[in-house]
Amino acid sequence: DFLEFAEVMATDALERDDSTRVVIFRSADPDFFIAHGDVVAITSVPLAPVPEAAELNFVHQLFERLRRLPQITIAQVEGFARGGGSEFCLAC
């Protein structure tokens, strides 16, 4: 998906960027910072407990990379930040 590609490319660039010191993430939508994750993925979550994963899924890998960026990261939250949006904010 293009959005996932763009997020990975931005994270890749920031990991190598020695000149950027602060990154501010903000939404163009005044009502939501990030509304939710992939609705299809949410509806496919199994109801029964599943074994613990051996590695983080794509989204959590991306959040971990965001958390470890050498820059100061700020989530400028205006509106709601739900689900994955809340996790994104916490990674900053």
N, C-alpha and C. Protein backbone atom coordinates (compact mmCIF):
# COMPACT_ATOMS: atom_id res chain seq x y z
N ASP A 1 0.84 -1.17 0.00
CA ASP A 1 0.00 0.00 0.00
C ASP A 1 0.89 1.24 0.00
N PHE A 2 0.45 2.28 -0.69
CA PHE A 2 1.28 3.48 -0.87
C PHE A 2 1.61 4.15 0.45
N LEU A 3 0.63 4.25 1.35
CA LEU A 3 0.87 4.91 2.63
C LEU A 3 1.95 4.20 3.42
N GLU A 4 1.90 2.89 3.48
CA GLU A 4 2.94 2.13 4.19
C GLU A 4 4.30 2.38 3.55
N PHE A 5 4.36 2.40 2.21
CA PHE A 5 5.60 2.66 1.49
C PHE A 5 6.13 4.04 1.85
N ALA A 6 5.25 5.05 1.86
CA ALA A 6 5.66 6.42 2.18
C ALA A 6 6.20 6.52 3.61
N GLU A 7 5.54 5.85 4.55
CA GLU A 7 5.98 5.88 5.94
C GLU A 7 7.36 5.25 6.09
N VAL A 8 7.58 4.13 5.42
CA VAL A 8 8.87 3.46 5.49
C VAL A 8 9.95 4.33 4.86
N MET A 9 9.65 4.93 3.71
CA MET A 9 10.62 5.79 3.04
C MET A 9 10.97 7.00 3.90
N ALA A 10 9.98 7.61 4.54
CA ALA A 10 10.23 8.76 5.41
C ALA A 10 11.10 8.34 6.60
N THR A 11 10.79 7.20 7.19
CA THR A 11 11.58 6.72 8.32
C THR A 11 13.00 6.40 7.89
N ASP A 12 13.15 5.76 6.73
CA ASP A 12 14.49 5.47 6.20
C ASP A 12 15.29 6.76 6.05
N ALA A 13 14.68 7.77 5.44
CA ALA A 13 15.36 9.05 5.20
C ALA A 13 15.75 9.71 6.52
N LEU A 14 14.84 9.72 7.50
CA LEU A 14 15.13 10.35 8.78
C LEU A 14 16.24 9.63 9.54
N GLU A 15 16.29 8.32 9.43
CA GLU A 15 17.34 7.56 10.12
C GLU A 15 18.73 7.94 9.61
N ARG A 16 18.82 8.35 8.35
CA ARG A 16 20.11 8.71 7.75
C ARG A 16 20.39 10.21 7.77
N ASP A 17 19.43 11.01 8.19
CA ASP A 17 19.52 12.46 8.11
C ASP A 17 20.18 13.03 9.36
N ASP A 18 21.38 13.59 9.19
CA ASP A 18 22.09 14.18 10.32
C ASP A 18 21.76 15.66 10.52
N SER A 19 21.08 16.28 9.55
CA SER A 19 20.82 17.72 9.64
C SER A 19 19.47 18.05 10.28
N THR A 20 18.50 17.15 10.19
CA THR A 20 17.18 17.40 10.80
C THR A 20 17.24 17.04 12.27
N ARG A 21 16.82 17.98 13.11
CA ARG A 21 16.90 17.75 14.55
C ARG A 21 15.55 17.49 15.20
N VAL A 22 14.48 18.02 14.59
CA VAL A 22 13.13 17.89 15.15
C VAL A 22 12.16 17.58 14.02
N VAL A 23 11.24 16.65 14.26
CA VAL A 23 10.20 16.31 13.29
C VAL A 23 8.86 16.46 13.99
N ILE A 24 7.96 17.22 13.37
CA ILE A 24 6.62 17.40 13.92
C ILE A 24 5.62 16.76 12.97
N PHE A 25 4.84 15.84 13.49
CA PHE A 25 3.80 15.17 12.72
C PHE A 25 2.47 15.81 13.07
N ARG A 26 1.74 16.25 12.04
CA ARG A 26 0.41 16.81 12.28
C ARG A 26 -0.52 16.37 11.16
N SER A 27 -1.80 16.46 11.43
CA SER A 27 -2.80 16.00 10.48
C SER A 27 -3.38 17.18 9.70
N ALA A 28 -3.77 16.92 8.45
CA ALA A 28 -4.47 17.92 7.65
C ALA A 28 -5.96 17.93 7.99
N ASP A 29 -6.42 16.93 8.74
CA ASP A 29 -7.83 16.83 9.12
C ASP A 29 -7.99 17.38 10.54
N PRO A 30 -8.76 18.46 10.73
CA PRO A 30 -8.89 19.05 12.06
C PRO A 30 -9.63 18.17 13.08
N ASP A 31 -10.34 17.17 12.60
CA ASP A 31 -11.11 16.32 13.52
C ASP A 31 -10.34 15.10 14.01
N PHE A 32 -9.33 14.66 13.25
CA PHE A 32 -8.60 13.44 13.60
C PHE A 32 -7.11 13.63 13.36
N PHE A 33 -6.32 13.17 14.32
CA PHE A 33 -4.87 13.09 14.10
C PHE A 33 -4.64 11.86 13.23
N ILE A 34 -4.96 10.71 13.76
CA ILE A 34 -5.02 9.46 13.00
C ILE A 34 -6.22 8.72 13.57
N ALA A 35 -7.17 8.41 12.72
CA ALA A 35 -8.44 7.87 13.20
C ALA A 35 -8.32 6.42 13.67
N HIS A 36 -7.69 5.58 12.88
CA HIS A 36 -7.64 4.16 13.20
C HIS A 36 -6.68 3.48 12.24
N GLY A 37 -6.50 2.21 12.43
CA GLY A 37 -5.69 1.43 11.51
C GLY A 37 -6.53 0.90 10.37
N ASP A 38 -6.05 -0.08 9.73
CA ASP A 38 -6.72 -0.71 8.60
C ASP A 38 -7.98 -1.43 9.11
N VAL A 39 -9.14 -0.99 8.66
CA VAL A 39 -10.41 -1.57 9.13
C VAL A 39 -10.50 -3.04 8.77
N VAL A 40 -10.01 -3.42 7.60
CA VAL A 40 -10.03 -4.83 7.21
C VAL A 40 -9.20 -5.66 8.20
N ALA A 41 -8.04 -5.15 8.59
CA ALA A 41 -7.21 -5.87 9.55
C ALA A 41 -7.91 -5.98 10.90
N ILE A 42 -8.59 -4.91 11.31
CA ILE A 42 -9.29 -4.93 12.60
C ILE A 42 -10.40 -5.98 12.59
N THR A 43 -11.13 -6.07 11.49
CA THR A 43 -12.24 -7.03 11.43
C THR A 43 -11.75 -8.47 11.29
N SER A 44 -10.49 -8.66 10.94
CA SER A 44 -9.97 -10.02 10.78
C SER A 44 -9.23 -10.52 12.02
N VAL A 45 -9.22 -9.73 13.09
CA VAL A 45 -8.55 -10.16 14.32
C VAL A 45 -9.31 -11.35 14.89
N PRO A 46 -8.60 -12.46 15.18
CA PRO A 46 -9.28 -13.64 15.71
C PRO A 46 -9.86 -13.39 17.10
N LEU A 47 -10.98 -14.03 17.38
CA LEU A 47 -11.62 -13.87 18.68
C LEU A 47 -10.92 -14.70 19.75
N ALA A 48 -10.39 -15.86 19.36
CA ALA A 48 -9.71 -16.73 20.32
C ALA A 48 -8.26 -16.26 20.51
N PRO A 49 -7.69 -16.51 21.68
CA PRO A 49 -6.29 -16.14 21.91
C PRO A 49 -5.38 -16.82 20.88
N VAL A 50 -4.35 -16.09 20.46
CA VAL A 50 -3.38 -16.63 19.50
C VAL A 50 -2.02 -16.69 20.17
N PRO A 51 -1.15 -17.57 19.70
CA PRO A 51 0.19 -17.65 20.30
C PRO A 51 0.93 -16.32 20.14
N GLU A 52 1.82 -16.04 21.07
CA GLU A 52 2.60 -14.80 21.02
C GLU A 52 3.47 -14.80 19.76
N ALA A 53 3.50 -13.66 19.08
CA ALA A 53 4.27 -13.54 17.84
C ALA A 53 5.77 -13.56 18.13
N ALA A 54 6.53 -14.12 17.21
CA ALA A 54 7.98 -14.16 17.35
C ALA A 54 8.61 -12.81 17.03
N GLU A 55 7.91 -12.02 16.20
CA GLU A 55 8.42 -10.69 15.88
C GLU A 55 7.25 -9.72 15.76
N LEU A 56 7.57 -8.44 15.81
CA LEU A 56 6.54 -7.41 15.71
C LEU A 56 5.95 -7.37 14.31
N ASN A 57 4.67 -7.02 14.21
CA ASN A 57 4.07 -6.87 12.88
C ASN A 57 4.57 -5.58 12.25
N PHE A 58 4.21 -5.36 10.98
CA PHE A 58 4.73 -4.22 10.23
C PHE A 58 4.50 -2.89 10.95
N VAL A 59 3.28 -2.66 11.42
CA VAL A 59 2.94 -1.39 12.05
C VAL A 59 3.77 -1.17 13.31
N HIS A 60 3.89 -2.19 14.13
CA HIS A 60 4.65 -2.04 15.36
C HIS A 60 6.15 -1.92 15.09
N GLN A 61 6.64 -2.54 14.02
CA GLN A 61 8.03 -2.33 13.62
C GLN A 61 8.25 -0.87 13.24
N LEU A 62 7.29 -0.32 12.50
CA LEU A 62 7.39 1.09 12.09
C LEU A 62 7.36 2.01 13.31
N PHE A 63 6.47 1.75 14.26
CA PHE A 63 6.40 2.56 15.48
C PHE A 63 7.69 2.46 16.28
N GLU A 64 8.28 1.28 16.33
CA GLU A 64 9.55 1.11 17.05
C GLU A 64 10.65 1.91 16.36
N ARG A 65 10.68 1.89 15.04
CA ARG A 65 11.67 2.70 14.30
C ARG A 65 11.44 4.18 14.58
N LEU A 66 10.20 4.62 14.60
CA LEU A 66 9.87 6.01 14.90
C LEU A 66 10.36 6.36 16.30
N ARG A 67 10.11 5.49 17.24
CA ARG A 67 10.53 5.73 18.62
C ARG A 67 12.04 5.89 18.75
N ARG A 68 12.79 5.19 17.92
CA ARG A 68 14.24 5.18 18.01
C ARG A 68 14.94 6.19 17.11
N LEU A 69 14.17 7.00 16.38
CA LEU A 69 14.79 7.99 15.50
C LEU A 69 15.74 8.89 16.29
N PRO A 70 16.81 9.34 15.67
CA PRO A 70 17.74 10.22 16.39
C PRO A 70 17.18 11.63 16.58
N GLN A 71 16.14 12.00 15.84
CA GLN A 71 15.53 13.31 15.97
C GLN A 71 14.52 13.32 17.11
N ILE A 72 14.23 14.52 17.59
CA ILE A 72 13.11 14.69 18.52
C ILE A 72 11.85 14.59 17.66
N THR A 73 10.90 13.77 18.07
CA THR A 73 9.66 13.61 17.31
C THR A 73 8.49 14.09 18.16
N ILE A 74 7.66 14.91 17.54
CA ILE A 74 6.52 15.50 18.23
C ILE A 74 5.25 15.19 17.46
N ALA A 75 4.24 14.71 18.14
CA ALA A 75 2.92 14.52 17.54
C ALA A 75 2.08 15.73 17.94
N GLN A 76 1.75 16.59 16.97
CA GLN A 76 0.92 17.77 17.20
C GLN A 76 -0.53 17.32 17.06
N VAL A 77 -1.12 16.92 18.16
CA VAL A 77 -2.45 16.32 18.14
C VAL A 77 -3.52 17.40 18.25
N GLU A 78 -4.36 17.46 17.24
CA GLU A 78 -5.54 18.32 17.24
C GLU A 78 -6.67 17.43 16.75
N GLY A 79 -7.64 17.16 17.58
CA GLY A 79 -8.69 16.22 17.22
C GLY A 79 -8.41 14.88 17.88
N PHE A 80 -9.06 13.84 17.38
CA PHE A 80 -8.96 12.51 17.98
C PHE A 80 -7.74 11.76 17.48
N ALA A 81 -7.16 10.98 18.36
CA ALA A 81 -6.09 10.04 18.00
C ALA A 81 -6.51 8.71 18.61
N ARG A 82 -7.05 7.84 17.80
CA ARG A 82 -7.59 6.56 18.30
C ARG A 82 -6.77 5.40 17.79
N GLY A 83 -6.79 4.31 18.55
CA GLY A 83 -6.16 3.07 18.12
C GLY A 83 -4.72 3.28 17.71
N GLY A 84 -4.44 2.98 16.45
CA GLY A 84 -3.09 3.12 15.92
C GLY A 84 -2.59 4.56 15.98
N GLY A 85 -3.51 5.53 15.88
CA GLY A 85 -3.11 6.93 16.01
C GLY A 85 -2.58 7.24 17.39
N SER A 86 -3.19 6.66 18.40
CA SER A 86 -2.71 6.82 19.77
C SER A 86 -1.34 6.16 19.94
N GLU A 87 -1.17 4.99 19.37
CA GLU A 87 0.12 4.31 19.43
C GLU A 87 1.20 5.11 18.72
N PHE A 88 0.84 5.71 17.56
CA PHE A 88 1.77 6.55 16.83
C PHE A 88 2.23 7.71 17.72
N CYS A 89 1.28 8.38 18.38
CA CYS A 89 1.61 9.49 19.29
C CYS A 89 2.56 9.04 20.39
N LEU A 90 2.27 7.90 20.97
CA LEU A 90 3.11 7.40 22.06
C LEU A 90 4.52 7.04 21.60
N ALA A 91 4.67 6.70 20.32
CA ALA A 91 6.00 6.38 19.79
C ALA A 91 6.84 7.64 19.62
N CYS A 92 6.21 8.80 19.50
CA CYS A 92 6.95 10.06 19.34
C CYS A 92 7.60 10.47 20.65
